Amino acid sequence: MIRLRKSPAGLALAGAFVAVALVLFALHVLSYRTNPADSGASALWFFLLTLPWANLLPEALINAPWWDRVALAAAWLLVALNSFLVYCIAGGIRPGRR
């Protein structure tokens, strides 16, 4: 059985991952506010933190008319998933004892 344990190193790395996502998202919003004609290229760095899950979403879902309303929440959900995986890789997972 695999158990999740408290990992200070994992928590620090996962927190740093989320902090980087917050900074990149803030830079994107700042770029969009100062230049409303922004093509969205400033969101590329934030988008990279949602990979590989963002590329696994079906195109029919992304092209749905309601997707624009939930895309931001979905992106932050994918960032949270990646930060959880960073936490697990950095020491949060350990094999259980029988």
PDB file of N, CA and C in Angstrom:
ATOM      1  N   MET A   1       0.836  -1.169   0.000  1.00  0.00           N
ATOM      2  CA  MET A   1       0.000   0.000   0.000  1.00  0.00           C
ATOM      3  C   MET A   1       0.890   1.245   0.000  1.00  0.00           C
ATOM      4  N   ILE A   2       0.490   2.221  -0.755  1.00  0.00           N
ATOM      5  CA  ILE A   2       1.228   3.476  -0.808  1.00  0.00           C
ATOM      6  C   ILE A   2       0.525   4.476   0.100  1.00  0.00           C
ATOM      7  N   ARG A   3       1.315   5.130   0.947  1.00  0.00           N
ATOM      8  CA  ARG A   3       0.754   6.111   1.870  1.00  0.00           C
ATOM      9  C   ARG A   3       1.350   7.477   1.599  1.00  0.00           C
ATOM     10  N   LEU A   4       0.562   8.481   1.906  1.00  0.00           N
ATOM     11  CA  LEU A   4       1.022   9.851   1.789  1.00  0.00           C
ATOM     12  C   LEU A   4       1.548  10.282   3.149  1.00  0.00           C
ATOM     13  N   ARG A   5       2.725  10.852   3.172  1.00  0.00           N
ATOM     14  CA  ARG A   5       3.295  11.305   4.439  1.00  0.00           C
ATOM     15  C   ARG A   5       3.613  12.786   4.351  1.00  0.00           C
ATOM     16  N   LYS A   6       3.819  13.386   5.511  1.00  0.00           N
ATOM     17  CA  LYS A   6       4.177  14.793   5.538  1.00  0.00           C
ATOM     18  C   LYS A   6       5.623  14.939   5.099  1.00  0.00           C
ATOM     19  N   SER A   7       5.839  15.809   4.139  1.00  0.00           N
ATOM     20  CA  SER A   7       7.171  16.020   3.601  1.00  0.00           C
ATOM     21  C   SER A   7       7.448  17.518   3.538  1.00  0.00           C
ATOM     22  N   PRO A   8       8.344  18.022   4.393  1.00  0.00           N
ATOM     23  CA  PRO A   8       8.663  19.454   4.331  1.00  0.00           C
ATOM     24  C   PRO A   8       9.258  19.862   2.987  1.00  0.00           C
ATOM     25  N   ALA A   9      10.096  19.021   2.424  1.00  0.00           N
ATOM     26  CA  ALA A   9      10.694  19.335   1.121  1.00  0.00           C
ATOM     27  C   ALA A   9       9.624  19.335   0.032  1.00  0.00           C
ATOM     28  N   GLY A  10       8.733  18.364   0.072  1.00  0.00           N
ATOM     29  CA  GLY A  10       7.651  18.303  -0.902  1.00  0.00           C
ATOM     30  C   GLY A  10       6.716  19.496  -0.776  1.00  0.00           C
ATOM     31  N   LEU A  11       6.437  19.884   0.459  1.00  0.00           N
ATOM     32  CA  LEU A  11       5.575  21.038   0.686  1.00  0.00           C
ATOM     33  C   LEU A  11       6.230  22.319   0.169  1.00  0.00           C
ATOM     34  N   ALA A  12       7.522  22.456   0.390  1.00  0.00           N
ATOM     35  CA  ALA A  12       8.239  23.642  -0.093  1.00  0.00           C
ATOM     36  C   ALA A  12       8.250  23.688  -1.620  1.00  0.00           C
ATOM     37  N   LEU A  13       8.498  22.560  -2.259  1.00  0.00           N
ATOM     38  CA  LEU A  13       8.525  22.542  -3.722  1.00  0.00           C
ATOM     39  C   LEU A  13       7.144  22.753  -4.326  1.00  0.00           C
ATOM     40  N   ALA A  14       6.122  22.142  -3.729  1.00  0.00           N
ATOM     41  CA  ALA A  14       4.759  22.339  -4.219  1.00  0.00           C
ATOM     42  C   ALA A  14       4.321  23.785  -4.005  1.00  0.00           C
ATOM     43  N   GLY A  15       4.689  24.367  -2.879  1.00  0.00           N
ATOM     44  CA  GLY A  15       4.374  25.771  -2.631  1.00  0.00           C
ATOM     45  C   GLY A  15       5.085  26.691  -3.610  1.00  0.00           C
ATOM     46  N   ALA A  16       6.335  26.365  -3.914  1.00  0.00           N
ATOM     47  CA  ALA A  16       7.083  27.153  -4.898  1.00  0.00           C
ATOM     48  C   ALA A  16       6.446  27.034  -6.282  1.00  0.00           C
ATOM     49  N   PHE A  17       5.950  25.857  -6.614  1.00  0.00           N
ATOM     50  CA  PHE A  17       5.280  25.646  -7.900  1.00  0.00           C
ATOM     51  C   PHE A  17       4.041  26.527  -8.006  1.00  0.00           C
ATOM     52  N   VAL A  18       3.241  26.545  -6.945  1.00  0.00           N
ATOM     53  CA  VAL A  18       2.036  27.378  -6.950  1.00  0.00           C
ATOM     54  C   VAL A  18       2.407  28.862  -6.959  1.00  0.00           C
ATOM     55  N   ALA A  19       3.458  29.236  -6.239  1.00  0.00           N
ATOM     56  CA  ALA A  19       3.896  30.638  -6.222  1.00  0.00           C
ATOM     57  C   ALA A  19       4.342  31.081  -7.609  1.00  0.00           C
ATOM     58  N   VAL A  20       5.059  30.228  -8.311  1.00  0.00           N
ATOM     59  CA  VAL A  20       5.473  30.550  -9.681  1.00  0.00           C
ATOM     60  C   VAL A  20       4.241  30.700 -10.575  1.00  0.00           C
ATOM     61  N   ALA A  21       3.254  29.822 -10.386  1.00  0.00           N
ATOM     62  CA  ALA A  21       2.020  29.925 -11.168  1.00  0.00           C
ATOM     63  C   ALA A  21       1.303  31.241 -10.876  1.00  0.00           C
ATOM     64  N   LEU A  22       1.260  31.646  -9.614  1.00  0.00           N
ATOM     65  CA  LEU A  22       0.620  32.914  -9.257  1.00  0.00           C
ATOM     66  C   LEU A  22       1.337  34.098  -9.895  1.00  0.00           C
ATOM     67  N   VAL A  23       2.654  34.083  -9.861  1.00  0.00           N
ATOM     68  CA  VAL A  23       3.426  35.182 -10.452  1.00  0.00           C
ATOM     69  C   VAL A  23       3.213  35.228 -11.964  1.00  0.00           C
ATOM     70  N   LEU A  24       3.271  34.083 -12.622  1.00  0.00           N
ATOM     71  CA  LEU A  24       3.083  34.066 -14.066  1.00  0.00           C
ATOM     72  C   LEU A  24       1.674  34.478 -14.457  1.00  0.00           C
ATOM     73  N   PHE A  25       0.686  34.090 -13.662  1.00  0.00           N
ATOM     74  CA  PHE A  25      -0.680  34.496 -13.952  1.00  0.00           C
ATOM     75  C   PHE A  25      -0.852  36.001 -13.729  1.00  0.00           C
ATOM     76  N   ALA A  26      -0.232  36.529 -12.680  1.00  0.00           N
ATOM     77  CA  ALA A  26      -0.301  37.964 -12.424  1.00  0.00           C
ATOM     78  C   ALA A  26       0.357  38.750 -13.556  1.00  0.00           C
ATOM     79  N   LEU A  27       1.467  38.251 -14.068  1.00  0.00           N
ATOM     80  CA  LEU A  27       2.119  38.915 -15.200  1.00  0.00           C
ATOM     81  C   LEU A  27       1.236  38.888 -16.444  1.00  0.00           C
ATOM     82  N   HIS A  28       0.536  37.787 -16.642  1.00  0.00           N
ATOM     83  CA  HIS A  28      -0.385  37.691 -17.776  1.00  0.00           C
ATOM     84  C   HIS A  28      -1.528  38.691 -17.623  1.00  0.00           C
ATOM     85  N   VAL A  29      -2.112  38.772 -16.433  1.00  0.00           N
ATOM     86  CA  VAL A  29      -3.208  39.715 -16.206  1.00  0.00           C
ATOM     87  C   VAL A  29      -2.717  41.149 -16.373  1.00  0.00           C
ATOM     88  N   LEU A  30      -1.534  41.443 -15.859  1.00  0.00           N
ATOM     89  CA  LEU A  30      -0.967  42.784 -16.023  1.00  0.00           C
ATOM     90  C   LEU A  30      -0.749  43.115 -17.497  1.00  0.00           C
ATOM     91  N   SER A  31      -0.252  42.163 -18.255  1.00  0.00           N
ATOM     92  CA  SER A  31      -0.041  42.362 -19.681  1.00  0.00           C
ATOM     93  C   SER A  31      -1.368  42.589 -20.399  1.00  0.00           C
ATOM     94  N   TYR A  32      -2.378  41.851 -20.009  1.00  0.00           N
ATOM     95  CA  TYR A  32      -3.689  41.986 -20.644  1.00  0.00           C
ATOM     96  C   TYR A  32      -4.331  43.326 -20.289  1.00  0.00           C
ATOM     97  N   ARG A  33      -4.163  43.762 -19.048  1.00  0.00           N
ATOM     98  CA  ARG A  33      -4.760  45.044 -18.626  1.00  0.00           C
ATOM     99  C   ARG A  33      -4.078  46.226 -19.301  1.00  0.00           C
ATOM    100  N   THR A  34      -2.778  46.166 -19.477  1.00  0.00           N
ATOM    101  CA  THR A  34      -2.062  47.287 -20.090  1.00  0.00           C
ATOM    102  C   THR A  34      -2.173  47.286 -21.606  1.00  0.00           C
ATOM    103  N   ASN A  35      -2.448  46.123 -22.191  1.00  0.00           N
ATOM    104  CA  ASN A  35      -2.581  46.025 -23.643  1.00  0.00           C
ATOM    105  C   ASN A  35      -3.793  45.149 -23.955  1.00  0.00           C
ATOM    106  N   PRO A  36      -4.987  45.729 -24.041  1.00  0.00           N
ATOM    107  CA  PRO A  36      -6.191  44.931 -24.300  1.00  0.00           C
ATOM    108  C   PRO A  36      -6.155  44.171 -25.623  1.00  0.00           C
ATOM    109  N   ALA A  37      -5.309  44.590 -26.543  1.00  0.00           N
ATOM    110  CA  ALA A  37      -5.201  43.885 -27.823  1.00  0.00           C
ATOM    111  C   ALA A  37      -4.248  42.695 -27.725  1.00  0.00           C
ATOM    112  N   ASP A  38      -3.878  42.329 -26.502  1.00  0.00           N
ATOM    113  CA  ASP A  38      -2.963  41.207 -26.283  1.00  0.00           C
ATOM    114  C   ASP A  38      -3.552  39.951 -26.908  1.00  0.00           C
ATOM    115  N   SER A  39      -2.743  39.223 -27.631  1.00  0.00           N
ATOM    116  CA  SER A  39      -3.219  38.023 -28.313  1.00  0.00           C
ATOM    117  C   SER A  39      -3.316  36.820 -27.383  1.00  0.00           C
ATOM    118  N   GLY A  40      -2.870  36.962 -26.159  1.00  0.00           N
ATOM    119  CA  GLY A  40      -2.892  35.847 -25.225  1.00  0.00           C
ATOM    120  C   GLY A  40      -1.565  35.127 -25.142  1.00  0.00           C
ATOM    121  N   ALA A  41      -0.577  35.603 -25.861  1.00  0.00           N
ATOM    122  CA  ALA A  41       0.730  34.952 -25.845  1.00  0.00           C
ATOM    123  C   ALA A  41       1.383  35.048 -24.474  1.00  0.00           C
ATOM    124  N   SER A  42       0.993  36.036 -23.684  1.00  0.00           N
ATOM    125  CA  SER A  42       1.578  36.167 -22.356  1.00  0.00           C
ATOM    126  C   SER A  42       1.115  35.056 -21.414  1.00  0.00           C
ATOM    127  N   ALA A  43       0.067  34.337 -21.786  1.00  0.00           N
ATOM    128  CA  ALA A  43      -0.422  33.238 -20.959  1.00  0.00           C
ATOM    129  C   ALA A  43       0.341  31.942 -21.211  1.00  0.00           C
ATOM    130  N   LEU A  44       1.254  31.959 -22.162  1.00  0.00           N
ATOM    131  CA  LEU A  44       1.989  30.732 -22.508  1.00  0.00           C
ATOM    132  C   LEU A  44       2.746  30.174 -21.314  1.00  0.00           C
ATOM    133  N   TRP A  45       3.417  31.028 -20.559  1.00  0.00           N
ATOM    134  CA  TRP A  45       4.218  30.540 -19.430  1.00  0.00           C
ATOM    135  C   TRP A  45       3.329  29.936 -18.359  1.00  0.00           C
ATOM    136  N   PHE A  46       2.167  30.526 -18.116  1.00  0.00           N
ATOM    137  CA  PHE A  46       1.225  29.936 -17.163  1.00  0.00           C
ATOM    138  C   PHE A  46       0.689  28.614 -17.706  1.00  0.00           C
ATOM    139  N   PHE A  47       0.408  28.567 -19.004  1.00  0.00           N
ATOM    140  CA  PHE A  47      -0.101  27.343 -19.631  1.00  0.00           C
ATOM    141  C   PHE A  47       0.887  26.190 -19.485  1.00  0.00           C
ATOM    142  N   LEU A  48       2.182  26.489 -19.518  1.00  0.00           N
ATOM    143  CA  LEU A  48       3.186  25.428 -19.401  1.00  0.00           C
ATOM    144  C   LEU A  48       3.103  24.715 -18.052  1.00  0.00           C
ATOM    145  N   LEU A  49       2.603  25.396 -17.028  1.00  0.00           N
ATOM    146  CA  LEU A  49       2.471  24.765 -15.718  1.00  0.00           C
ATOM    147  C   LEU A  49       1.262  23.840 -15.619  1.00  0.00           C
ATOM    148  N   THR A  50       0.399  23.846 -16.627  1.00  0.00           N
ATOM    149  CA  THR A  50      -0.762  22.951 -16.640  1.00  0.00           C
ATOM    150  C   THR A  50      -0.502  21.681 -17.441  1.00  0.00           C
ATOM    151  N   LEU A  51       0.650  21.619 -18.072  1.00  0.00           N
ATOM    152  CA  LEU A  51       0.956  20.457 -18.912  1.00  0.00           C
ATOM    153  C   LEU A  51       1.287  19.244 -18.065  1.00  0.00           C
ATOM    154  N   PRO A  52       1.081  18.052 -18.517  1.00  0.00           N
ATOM    155  CA  PRO A  52       0.591  17.589 -19.808  1.00  0.00           C
ATOM    156  C   PRO A  52      -0.922  17.487 -19.867  1.00  0.00           C
ATOM    157  N   TRP A  53      -1.601  17.768 -18.764  1.00  0.00           N
ATOM    158  CA  TRP A  53      -3.047  17.532 -18.675  1.00  0.00           C
ATOM    159  C   TRP A  53      -3.839  18.414 -19.628  1.00  0.00           C
ATOM    160  N   ALA A  54      -3.390  19.645 -19.838  1.00  0.00           N
ATOM    161  CA  ALA A  54      -4.121  20.553 -20.722  1.00  0.00           C
ATOM    162  C   ALA A  54      -4.145  20.037 -22.156  1.00  0.00           C
ATOM    163  N   ASN A  55      -3.110  19.338 -22.563  1.00  0.00           N
ATOM    164  CA  ASN A  55      -3.088  18.783 -23.923  1.00  0.00           C
ATOM    165  C   ASN A  55      -3.931  17.525 -24.058  1.00  0.00           C
ATOM    166  N   LEU A  56      -4.349  16.947 -22.956  1.00  0.00           N
ATOM    167  CA  LEU A  56      -5.168  15.743 -23.008  1.00  0.00           C
ATOM    168  C   LEU A  56      -6.662  16.047 -23.079  1.00  0.00           C
ATOM    169  N   LEU A  57      -7.027  17.316 -22.916  1.00  0.00           N
ATOM    170  CA  LEU A  57      -8.437  17.690 -23.012  1.00  0.00           C
ATOM    171  C   LEU A  57      -8.890  17.572 -24.459  1.00  0.00           C
ATOM    172  N   PRO A  58     -10.072  16.999 -24.674  1.00  0.00           N
ATOM    173  CA  PRO A  58     -10.541  16.845 -26.060  1.00  0.00           C
ATOM    174  C   PRO A  58     -10.853  18.194 -26.709  1.00  0.00           C
ATOM    175  N   GLU A  59     -10.652  18.259 -27.992  1.00  0.00           N
ATOM    176  CA  GLU A  59     -10.872  19.503 -28.725  1.00  0.00           C
ATOM    177  C   GLU A  59     -12.343  19.912 -28.708  1.00  0.00           C
ATOM    178  N   ALA A  60     -13.233  18.942 -28.666  1.00  0.00           N
ATOM    179  CA  ALA A  60     -14.665  19.268 -28.600  1.00  0.00           C
ATOM    180  C   ALA A  60     -14.999  19.995 -27.298  1.00  0.00           C
ATOM    181  N   LEU A  61     -14.308  19.648 -26.238  1.00  0.00           N
ATOM    182  CA  LEU A  61     -14.531  20.324 -24.959  1.00  0.00           C
ATOM    183  C   LEU A  61     -14.005  21.754 -25.008  1.00  0.00           C
ATOM    184  N   ILE A  62     -12.835  21.940 -25.561  1.00  0.00           N
ATOM    185  CA  ILE A  62     -12.224  23.270 -25.618  1.00  0.00           C
ATOM    186  C   ILE A  62     -12.998  24.191 -26.552  1.00  0.00           C
ATOM    187  N   ASN A  63     -13.611  23.646 -27.586  1.00  0.00           N
ATOM    188  CA  ASN A  63     -14.375  24.455 -28.530  1.00  0.00           C
ATOM    189  C   ASN A  63     -15.822  24.657 -28.107  1.00  0.00           C
ATOM    190  N   ALA A  64     -16.214  24.106 -26.979  1.00  0.00           N
ATOM    191  CA  ALA A  64     -17.594  24.269 -26.499  1.00  0.00           C
ATOM    192  C   ALA A  64     -17.848  25.732 -26.147  1.00  0.00           C
ATOM    193  N   PRO A  65     -19.073  26.202 -26.336  1.00  0.00           N
ATOM    194  CA  PRO A  65     -19.358  27.619 -26.067  1.00  0.00           C
ATOM    195  C   PRO A  65     -19.208  28.007 -24.595  1.00  0.00           C
ATOM    196  N   TRP A  66     -19.369  27.091 -23.687  1.00  0.00           N
ATOM    197  CA  TRP A  66     -19.279  27.395 -22.257  1.00  0.00           C
ATOM    198  C   TRP A  66     -17.855  27.264 -21.725  1.00  0.00           C
ATOM    199  N   TRP A  67     -16.914  26.846 -22.557  1.00  0.00           N
ATOM    200  CA  TRP A  67     -15.550  26.601 -22.086  1.00  0.00           C
ATOM    201  C   TRP A  67     -14.873  27.875 -21.575  1.00  0.00           C
ATOM    202  N   ASP A  68     -15.161  29.013 -22.198  1.00  0.00           N
ATOM    203  CA  ASP A  68     -14.527  30.261 -21.767  1.00  0.00           C
ATOM    204  C   ASP A  68     -14.874  30.610 -20.324  1.00  0.00           C
ATOM    205  N   ARG A  69     -16.047  30.187 -19.867  1.00  0.00           N
ATOM    206  CA  ARG A  69     -16.453  30.484 -18.489  1.00  0.00           C
ATOM    207  C   ARG A  69     -15.725  29.618 -17.474  1.00  0.00           C
ATOM    208  N   VAL A  70     -15.326  28.418 -17.851  1.00  0.00           N
ATOM    209  CA  VAL A  70     -14.705  27.501 -16.893  1.00  0.00           C
ATOM    210  C   VAL A  70     -13.219  27.263 -17.150  1.00  0.00           C
ATOM    211  N   ALA A  71     -12.661  27.871 -18.185  1.00  0.00           N
ATOM    212  CA  ALA A  71     -11.268  27.603 -18.554  1.00  0.00           C
ATOM    213  C   ALA A  71     -10.303  28.030 -17.462  1.00  0.00           C
ATOM    214  N   LEU A  72     -10.550  29.155 -16.843  1.00  0.00           N
ATOM    215  CA  LEU A  72      -9.648  29.641 -15.803  1.00  0.00           C
ATOM    216  C   LEU A  72      -9.653  28.709 -14.590  1.00  0.00           C
ATOM    217  N   ALA A  73     -10.837  28.285 -14.164  1.00  0.00           N
ATOM    218  CA  ALA A  73     -10.928  27.351 -13.041  1.00  0.00           C
ATOM    219  C   ALA A  73     -10.279  26.011 -13.386  1.00  0.00           C
ATOM    220  N   ALA A  74     -10.472  25.565 -14.617  1.00  0.00           N
ATOM    221  CA  ALA A  74      -9.856  24.310 -15.046  1.00  0.00           C
ATOM    222  C   ALA A  74      -8.335  24.422 -15.065  1.00  0.00           C
ATOM    223  N   ALA A  75      -7.818  25.560 -15.495  1.00  0.00           N
ATOM    224  CA  ALA A  75      -6.363  25.751 -15.524  1.00  0.00           C
ATOM    225  C   ALA A  75      -5.797  25.710 -14.111  1.00  0.00           C
ATOM    226  N   TRP A  76      -6.458  26.378 -13.158  1.00  0.00           N
ATOM    227  CA  TRP A  76      -5.965  26.354 -11.782  1.00  0.00           C
ATOM    228  C   TRP A  76      -6.118  24.968 -11.163  1.00  0.00           C
ATOM    229  N   LEU A  77      -7.127  24.220 -11.582  1.00  0.00           N
ATOM    230  CA  LEU A  77      -7.265  22.837 -11.111  1.00  0.00           C
ATOM    231  C   LEU A  77      -6.108  21.980 -11.614  1.00  0.00           C
ATOM    232  N   LEU A  78      -5.697  22.194 -12.848  1.00  0.00           N
ATOM    233  CA  LEU A  78      -4.563  21.456 -13.402  1.00  0.00           C
ATOM    234  C   LEU A  78      -3.248  21.868 -12.743  1.00  0.00           C
ATOM    235  N   VAL A  79      -3.110  23.139 -12.395  1.00  0.00           N
ATOM    236  CA  VAL A  79      -1.924  23.585 -11.658  1.00  0.00           C
ATOM    237  C   VAL A  79      -1.905  22.924 -10.281  1.00  0.00           C
ATOM    238  N   ALA A  80      -3.067  22.838  -9.629  1.00  0.00           N
ATOM    239  CA  ALA A  80      -3.144  22.187  -8.319  1.00  0.00           C
ATOM    240  C   ALA A  80      -2.785  20.707  -8.428  1.00  0.00           C
ATOM    241  N   LEU A  81      -3.245  20.052  -9.481  1.00  0.00           N
ATOM    242  CA  LEU A  81      -2.901  18.645  -9.689  1.00  0.00           C
ATOM    243  C   LEU A  81      -1.395  18.479  -9.871  1.00  0.00           C
ATOM    244  N   ASN A  82      -0.789  19.342 -10.664  1.00  0.00           N
ATOM    245  CA  ASN A  82       0.659  19.259 -10.873  1.00  0.00           C
ATOM    246  C   ASN A  82       1.430  19.561  -9.596  1.00  0.00           C
ATOM    247  N   SER A  83       0.945  20.502  -8.781  1.00  0.00           N
ATOM    248  CA  SER A  83       1.644  20.789  -7.526  1.00  0.00           C
ATOM    249  C   SER A  83       1.520  19.606  -6.562  1.00  0.00           C
ATOM    250  N   PHE A  84       0.387  18.914  -6.593  1.00  0.00           N
ATOM    251  CA  PHE A  84       0.242  17.709  -5.775  1.00  0.00           C
ATOM    252  C   PHE A  84       1.218  16.633  -6.235  1.00  0.00           C
ATOM    253  N   LEU A  85       1.379  16.486  -7.529  1.00  0.00           N
ATOM    254  CA  LEU A  85       2.330  15.494  -8.049  1.00  0.00           C
ATOM    255  C   LEU A  85       3.764  15.867  -7.691  1.00  0.00           C
ATOM    256  N   VAL A  86       4.081  17.166  -7.704  1.00  0.00           N
ATOM    257  CA  VAL A  86       5.411  17.616  -7.272  1.00  0.00           C
ATOM    258  C   VAL A  86       5.612  17.266  -5.804  1.00  0.00           C
ATOM    259  N   TYR A  87       4.579  17.475  -4.980  1.00  0.00           N
ATOM    260  CA  TYR A  87       4.653  17.124  -3.563  1.00  0.00           C
ATOM    261  C   TYR A  87       4.922  15.631  -3.390  1.00  0.00           C
ATOM    262  N   CYS A  88       4.213  14.816  -4.134  1.00  0.00           N
ATOM    263  CA  CYS A  88       4.384  13.362  -4.020  1.00  0.00           C
ATOM    264  C   CYS A  88       5.767  12.918  -4.467  1.00  0.00           C
ATOM    265  N   ILE A  89       6.257  13.478  -5.552  1.00  0.00           N
ATOM    266  CA  ILE A  89       7.560  13.086  -6.069  1.00  0.00           C
ATOM    267  C   ILE A  89       8.676  13.534  -5.137  1.00  0.00           C
ATOM    268  N   ALA A  90       8.490  14.673  -4.487  1.00  0.00           N
ATOM    269  CA  ALA A  90       9.536  15.228  -3.621  1.00  0.00           C
ATOM    270  C   ALA A  90       9.544  14.616  -2.226  1.00  0.00           C
ATOM    271  N   GLY A  91       8.858  13.546  -2.015  1.00  0.00           N
ATOM    272  CA  GLY A  91       8.954  12.865  -0.735  1.00  0.00           C
ATOM    273  C   GLY A  91       7.639  12.607  -0.040  1.00  0.00           C
ATOM    274  N   GLY A  92       6.533  12.922  -0.674  1.00  0.00           N
ATOM    275  CA  GLY A  92       5.242  12.721  -0.037  1.00  0.00           C
ATOM    276  C   GLY A  92       4.737  11.287  -0.097  1.00  0.00           C
ATOM    277  N   ILE A  93       5.304  10.477  -0.963  1.00  0.00           N
ATOM    278  CA  ILE A  93       4.859   9.084  -1.091  1.00  0.00           C
ATOM    279  C   ILE A  93       5.907   8.167  -0.486  1.00  0.00           C
ATOM    280  N   ARG A  94       5.429   7.215   0.259  1.00  0.00           N
ATOM    281  CA  ARG A  94       6.337   6.188   0.774  1.00  0.00           C
ATOM    282  C   ARG A  94       5.590   4.856   0.772  1.00  0.00           C
ATOM    283  N   PRO A  95       6.306   3.786   0.579  1.00  0.00           N
ATOM    284  CA  PRO A  95       5.649   2.483   0.616  1.00  0.00           C
ATOM    285  C   PRO A  95       5.175   2.179   2.036  1.00  0.00           C
ATOM    286  N   GLY A  96       3.983   1.600   2.132  1.00  0.00           N
ATOM    287  CA  GLY A  96       3.442   1.264   3.443  1.00  0.00           C
ATOM    288  C   GLY A  96       4.035  -0.036   3.962  1.00  0.00           C
ATOM    289  N   ARG A  97       3.984  -0.179   5.267  1.00  0.00           N
ATOM    290  CA  ARG A  97       4.476  -1.405   5.895  1.00  0.00           C
ATOM    291  C   ARG A  97       3.307  -2.334   6.159  1.00  0.00           C
ATOM    292  N   ARG A  98       3.578  -3.607   6.073  1.00  0.00           N
ATOM    293  CA  ARG A  98       2.516  -4.593   6.323  1.00  0.00           C
ATOM    294  C   ARG A  98       2.548  -5.053   7.734  1.00  0.00           C
TER     295      ARG A  98
END
